[in-house]
């Protein structure tokens, strides 16, 4: 049966908030309307998605599964809309996403040389949206740094490079030829630990010293926190050297896995340009 995307968006909002009132405010609709839409979706699917009482709202097993699958479906629908709108301009376009520190010039120039009528755009991504840009249609391909959630994607390996610890210039470890990750165990990590899986294996600092990583998105923001001696970040070597500044420095970390860089695109795409660009990117980074 067909799934109503509007109702699915409403469901995701409630699943994220686990509160019908907050979800209704976020969606700018009345709470009774939202409740009716969710009941209608449950009726269409013949499934109970939420358990509600006076005190709480929680997902059922079916609701948890739909919450896991729904974002990919909504992103795919948004991608179809974006590509259809783009096609109305008449001029062919191709968009490449790239993470900070990665240069895409050679592969882009090679594609433009083969297709002079093609307009190739580039879009800078971040750790949070490096794969989302291809799933929701903002980019045709994206050069990503692993680890990423690979569901719904195809990946083509491009290259690997070392990762380094970025420290304040006056840090006790600054100037050392290299360190181990254990040498950083007492430091505050200023980024999502999912980006540094090895960090989770370090012994935890005492609770009074443990502070959550700040809600920062860009490399520039992270470096501002490092320069203020609020903690450290782990970056690929090319990113650390690209953002050189006098108040921070970087040091090699011997026991970190390298940063693996891949080209990613939506698994459902069949565009010959994507596969052509993938071949050009592999050659450019060889």
Protein backbone atom coordinates (compact mmCIF):
# COMPACT_ATOMS: atom_id res chain seq x y z
CA UNK A 1 0.00 0.00 0.00
CA UNK A 2 1.04 3.63 -0.50
CA UNK A 3 2.44 5.55 2.47
CA UNK A 4 1.30 9.15 2.91
CA UNK A 5 4.55 11.12 3.22
CA UNK A 6 2.88 13.95 5.12
CA UNK A 7 1.65 11.54 7.78
CA UNK A 8 5.09 9.94 7.83
CA UNK A 9 6.69 13.34 8.54
CA UNK A 10 4.21 13.85 11.35
CA UNK A 11 5.10 10.42 12.74
CA UNK A 12 8.83 11.23 12.71
CA UNK A 13 8.24 14.47 14.59
CA UNK A 14 6.29 12.66 17.33
CA UNK A 15 8.87 9.85 17.45
CA UNK A 16 11.67 12.39 17.92
CA UNK A 17 9.86 14.40 20.57
CA UNK A 18 7.94 11.55 22.23
CA UNK A 19 5.43 14.23 23.07
CA UNK A 20 2.42 15.11 20.92
CA UNK A 21 2.22 18.69 22.19
CA UNK A 22 5.85 19.54 21.39
CA UNK A 23 5.61 17.77 18.03
CA UNK A 24 2.47 19.74 17.15
CA UNK A 25 4.22 23.02 18.02
CA UNK A 26 7.19 22.04 15.88
CA UNK A 27 4.91 21.17 12.96
CA UNK A 28 2.77 24.32 13.44
CA UNK A 29 -0.46 22.34 13.62
CA UNK A 30 -3.01 21.77 16.38
CA UNK A 31 -2.42 18.79 18.65
CA UNK A 32 -5.84 17.20 17.94
CA UNK A 33 -5.08 17.36 14.21
CA UNK A 34 -1.72 15.66 14.78
CA UNK A 35 -3.33 12.95 16.90
CA UNK A 36 -5.90 12.25 14.18
CA UNK A 37 -3.19 12.02 11.53
CA UNK A 38 -1.19 9.53 13.60
CA UNK A 39 -4.30 7.42 14.24
CA UNK A 40 -5.02 7.51 10.50
CA UNK A 41 -1.48 6.34 9.74
CA UNK A 42 -1.79 3.51 12.27
CA UNK A 43 -5.09 2.55 10.63
CA UNK A 44 -3.56 2.54 7.15
CA UNK A 45 -0.60 0.43 8.30
CA UNK A 46 -2.77 -1.71 10.62
CA UNK A 47 -0.12 -1.23 13.29
CA UNK A 48 0.08 0.46 16.67
CA UNK A 49 3.02 2.87 16.53
CA UNK A 50 2.80 4.55 19.94
CA UNK A 51 1.76 3.65 23.46
CA UNK A 52 0.32 6.67 25.26
CA UNK A 53 -0.89 7.34 28.77
CA UNK A 54 -1.35 10.51 30.79
CA UNK A 55 2.34 10.68 31.63
CA UNK A 56 4.30 9.46 28.64
CA UNK A 57 4.42 8.54 24.97
CA UNK A 58 6.65 5.72 23.77
CA UNK A 59 7.23 3.84 20.54
CA UNK A 60 6.04 0.27 20.10
CA UNK A 61 8.30 -2.29 18.40
CA UNK A 62 6.57 -1.48 15.09
CA UNK A 63 7.03 2.22 15.78
CA UNK A 64 10.73 1.80 16.45
CA UNK A 65 11.17 -0.04 13.17
CA UNK A 66 9.24 2.60 11.23
CA UNK A 67 11.28 5.34 12.95
CA UNK A 68 14.45 3.61 11.77
CA UNK A 69 13.24 3.31 8.18
CA UNK A 70 11.27 6.54 7.73
CA UNK A 71 14.14 9.05 7.39
CA UNK A 72 15.55 7.23 4.36
CA UNK A 73 12.15 7.20 2.67
CA UNK A 74 11.57 10.90 3.37
CA UNK A 75 15.08 11.78 2.16
CA UNK A 76 14.54 9.81 -1.05
CA UNK A 77 11.27 11.66 -1.70
CA UNK A 78 13.02 14.99 -1.13
CA UNK A 79 15.81 13.95 -3.50
CA UNK A 80 13.29 13.15 -6.25
CA UNK A 81 11.68 16.57 -5.78
CA UNK A 82 15.01 18.41 -5.87
CA UNK A 83 16.25 16.62 -8.99
CA UNK A 84 12.94 17.18 -10.78
CA UNK A 85 13.08 20.89 -9.95
CA UNK A 86 16.69 21.10 -11.12
CA UNK A 87 15.80 19.48 -14.44
CA UNK A 88 13.33 22.32 -15.15
CA UNK A 89 16.23 24.73 -15.73
CA UNK A 90 17.15 22.80 -18.87
CA UNK A 91 20.90 23.07 -18.23
CA UNK A 92 22.47 19.82 -16.97
CA UNK A 93 24.01 20.11 -13.49
CA UNK A 94 26.09 17.81 -11.31
CA UNK A 95 26.85 18.53 -7.64
CA UNK A 96 29.78 17.18 -5.64
CA UNK A 97 29.89 17.28 -1.84
CA UNK A 98 33.22 17.29 -0.03
CA UNK A 99 34.48 17.30 3.54
CA UNK A 100 36.85 20.00 4.89
CA UNK A 101 40.48 19.46 3.92
CA UNK A 102 39.62 17.49 0.76
CA UNK A 103 40.30 19.08 -2.62
CA UNK A 104 38.01 18.03 -5.46
CA UNK A 105 39.40 20.28 -8.19
CA UNK A 106 41.17 17.63 -10.29
CA UNK A 107 38.17 15.30 -10.57
CA UNK A 108 35.76 18.19 -11.22
CA UNK A 109 37.98 19.62 -13.97
CA UNK A 110 38.26 16.20 -15.59
CA UNK A 111 34.46 15.82 -15.64
CA UNK A 112 33.99 19.34 -17.05
CA UNK A 113 36.55 18.63 -19.78
CA UNK A 114 34.53 15.61 -20.88
CA UNK A 115 31.17 17.42 -20.69
CA UNK A 116 31.61 21.12 -21.58
CA UNK A 117 27.86 21.81 -21.37
CA UNK A 118 27.65 20.38 -17.83
CA UNK A 119 27.63 22.77 -14.85
CA UNK A 120 29.42 21.17 -11.91
CA UNK A 121 28.71 22.62 -8.48
CA UNK A 122 30.51 21.82 -5.23
CA UNK A 123 29.09 21.94 -1.72
CA UNK A 124 31.05 21.79 1.53
CA UNK A 125 29.68 19.24 3.97
CA UNK A 126 30.30 18.41 7.63
CA UNK A 127 30.48 15.30 9.79
CA UNK A 128 26.72 15.57 10.38
CA UNK A 129 25.51 15.81 6.77
CA UNK A 130 28.24 14.31 4.58
CA UNK A 131 26.01 11.40 3.50
CA UNK A 132 22.65 13.13 3.94
CA UNK A 133 23.41 15.48 1.03
CA UNK A 134 23.25 12.58 -1.43
CA UNK A 135 20.28 10.89 0.22
CA UNK A 136 18.15 14.05 0.09
CA UNK A 137 19.31 15.18 -3.36
CA UNK A 138 21.45 18.20 -2.49
CA UNK A 139 24.42 16.48 -4.14
CA UNK A 140 24.83 13.73 -6.71
CA UNK A 141 27.95 12.37 -5.03
CA UNK A 142 29.80 13.18 -1.82
CA UNK A 143 33.39 12.59 -0.79
CA UNK A 144 33.04 11.28 2.76
CA UNK A 145 35.22 10.26 5.65
CA UNK A 146 34.46 6.94 7.32
CA UNK A 147 32.83 5.79 9.49
CA UNK A 148 29.40 6.59 8.02
CA UNK A 149 26.04 4.84 8.08
CA UNK A 150 26.19 2.96 4.78
CA UNK A 151 22.56 1.93 4.41
CA UNK A 152 21.13 3.26 1.15
CA UNK A 153 24.56 4.18 -0.19
CA UNK A 154 27.20 2.89 -2.56
CA UNK A 155 30.82 3.61 -1.64
CA UNK A 156 33.98 3.70 -3.73
CA UNK A 157 37.30 3.89 -1.78
CA UNK A 158 39.53 6.81 -2.78
CA UNK A 159 42.44 7.14 -0.33
CA UNK A 160 43.52 6.98 3.31
CA UNK A 161 45.54 9.41 5.43
CA UNK A 162 46.77 9.67 9.03
CA UNK A 163 44.75 11.30 11.79
CA UNK A 164 46.32 13.68 14.29
CA UNK A 165 45.46 15.24 17.64
CA UNK A 166 44.95 19.01 17.47
CA UNK A 167 46.04 20.75 20.69
CA UNK A 168 46.50 24.28 22.03
CA UNK A 169 49.97 25.50 21.12
CA UNK A 170 50.98 25.56 24.80
CA UNK A 171 49.75 22.05 25.57
CA UNK A 172 52.01 19.65 27.50
CA UNK A 173 52.12 17.30 24.46
CA UNK A 174 52.78 20.04 21.88
CA UNK A 175 56.07 19.51 20.07
CA UNK A 176 56.27 15.77 20.68
CA UNK A 177 57.01 13.71 17.54
CA UNK A 178 54.01 11.48 18.29
CA UNK A 179 51.72 10.27 21.08
CA UNK A 180 49.42 7.33 21.79
CA UNK A 181 45.68 7.75 22.22
CA UNK A 182 46.12 6.78 25.88
CA UNK A 183 48.19 9.96 26.35
CA UNK A 184 44.98 11.89 25.65
CA UNK A 185 42.79 9.96 28.10
CA UNK A 186 42.47 12.86 30.54
CA UNK A 187 41.61 15.36 27.81
CA UNK A 188 38.14 16.56 26.86
CA UNK A 189 37.18 15.48 23.33
CA UNK A 190 35.56 18.42 21.53
CA UNK A 191 33.71 16.40 18.89
CA UNK A 192 31.22 13.61 18.50
CA UNK A 193 33.00 10.46 19.79
CA UNK A 194 31.40 8.50 16.92
CA UNK A 195 34.00 10.22 14.74
CA UNK A 196 36.78 8.75 16.92
CA UNK A 197 35.72 5.18 17.79
CA UNK A 198 39.05 4.54 19.55
CA UNK A 199 38.13 7.19 22.12
CA UNK A 200 35.39 4.98 23.55
CA UNK A 201 38.02 2.40 24.56
CA UNK A 202 39.83 4.88 26.82
CA UNK A 203 39.26 4.68 30.59
CA UNK A 204 36.68 7.22 31.69
CA UNK A 205 37.83 10.24 33.62
CA UNK A 206 36.25 10.90 37.04
CA UNK A 207 32.63 12.11 36.75
CA UNK A 208 33.51 15.56 38.08
CA UNK A 209 36.00 15.99 35.22
CA UNK A 210 33.79 14.52 32.50
CA UNK A 211 32.12 17.10 30.27
CA UNK A 212 30.03 16.53 27.18
CA UNK A 213 31.43 17.58 23.82
CA UNK A 214 30.11 20.99 22.77
CA UNK A 215 27.45 21.33 20.08
CA UNK A 216 29.76 22.54 17.32
CA UNK A 217 29.55 21.62 13.66
CA UNK A 218 32.42 23.17 11.74
CA UNK A 219 36.17 22.69 11.89
CA UNK A 220 36.55 26.42 12.53
CA UNK A 221 34.33 26.21 15.62
CA UNK A 222 36.23 23.20 16.94
CA UNK A 223 39.56 24.98 16.54
CA UNK A 224 38.24 27.99 18.44
CA UNK A 225 37.48 25.69 21.39
CA UNK A 226 40.90 24.05 21.11
CA UNK A 227 42.64 27.43 21.04
CA UNK A 228 40.74 28.36 24.21
CA UNK A 229 42.26 25.26 25.89
CA UNK A 230 38.86 23.64 26.35
CA UNK A 231 39.98 20.27 24.96
CA UNK A 232 41.33 18.49 21.88
CA UNK A 233 40.02 17.24 18.55
CA UNK A 234 41.13 14.43 16.26
CA UNK A 235 41.33 15.43 12.61
CA UNK A 236 42.68 13.99 9.38
CA UNK A 237 46.15 15.31 8.66
CA UNK A 238 45.05 17.21 5.53
CA UNK A 239 42.33 19.02 7.49
CA UNK A 240 44.68 19.94 10.34
CA UNK A 241 47.29 21.33 7.93
CA UNK A 242 44.69 23.18 5.83
CA UNK A 243 43.42 25.07 8.88
CA UNK A 244 46.84 26.16 10.15
CA UNK A 245 46.76 28.86 12.85
CA UNK A 246 49.40 30.00 15.39
CA UNK A 247 47.47 29.18 18.57
CA UNK A 248 46.93 25.48 17.83
CA UNK A 249 49.23 22.67 16.78
CA UNK A 250 48.88 19.02 15.88
CA UNK A 251 50.74 15.85 16.79
CA UNK A 252 50.71 12.39 15.22
CA UNK A 253 48.82 9.66 17.12
CA UNK A 254 50.56 6.32 16.53
CA UNK A 255 47.72 3.93 17.37
CA UNK A 256 44.86 5.62 15.50
CA UNK A 257 43.41 3.99 12.40
CA UNK A 258 43.89 6.20 9.33
CA UNK A 259 41.05 8.28 7.97
CA UNK A 260 39.49 6.38 5.06
CA UNK A 261 37.98 8.57 2.35
CA UNK A 262 35.35 7.28 -0.08
CA UNK A 263 33.03 8.56 -2.76
CA UNK A 264 29.41 7.99 -1.79
CA UNK A 265 26.17 8.15 -3.77
CA UNK A 266 22.62 6.97 -3.36
CA UNK A 267 22.28 3.25 -4.08
CA UNK A 268 19.13 3.85 -6.10
CA UNK A 269 20.76 6.22 -8.61
CA UNK A 270 21.54 4.91 -12.11
CA UNK A 271 23.11 8.04 -13.60
CA UNK A 272 26.09 7.24 -15.89
CA UNK A 273 27.64 10.54 -14.78
CA UNK A 274 27.98 9.22 -11.24
CA UNK A 275 29.97 6.18 -12.31
CA UNK A 276 32.03 8.30 -14.70
CA UNK A 277 32.87 10.75 -11.91
CA UNK A 278 33.74 7.83 -9.60
CA UNK A 279 36.33 6.59 -12.10
CA UNK A 280 37.75 10.10 -12.48
CA UNK A 281 37.93 10.57 -8.70
CA UNK A 282 39.78 7.28 -8.21
CA UNK A 283 42.29 8.35 -10.86
CA UNK A 284 42.64 11.84 -9.35
CA UNK A 285 43.51 10.52 -5.89
CA UNK A 286 45.71 7.62 -7.07
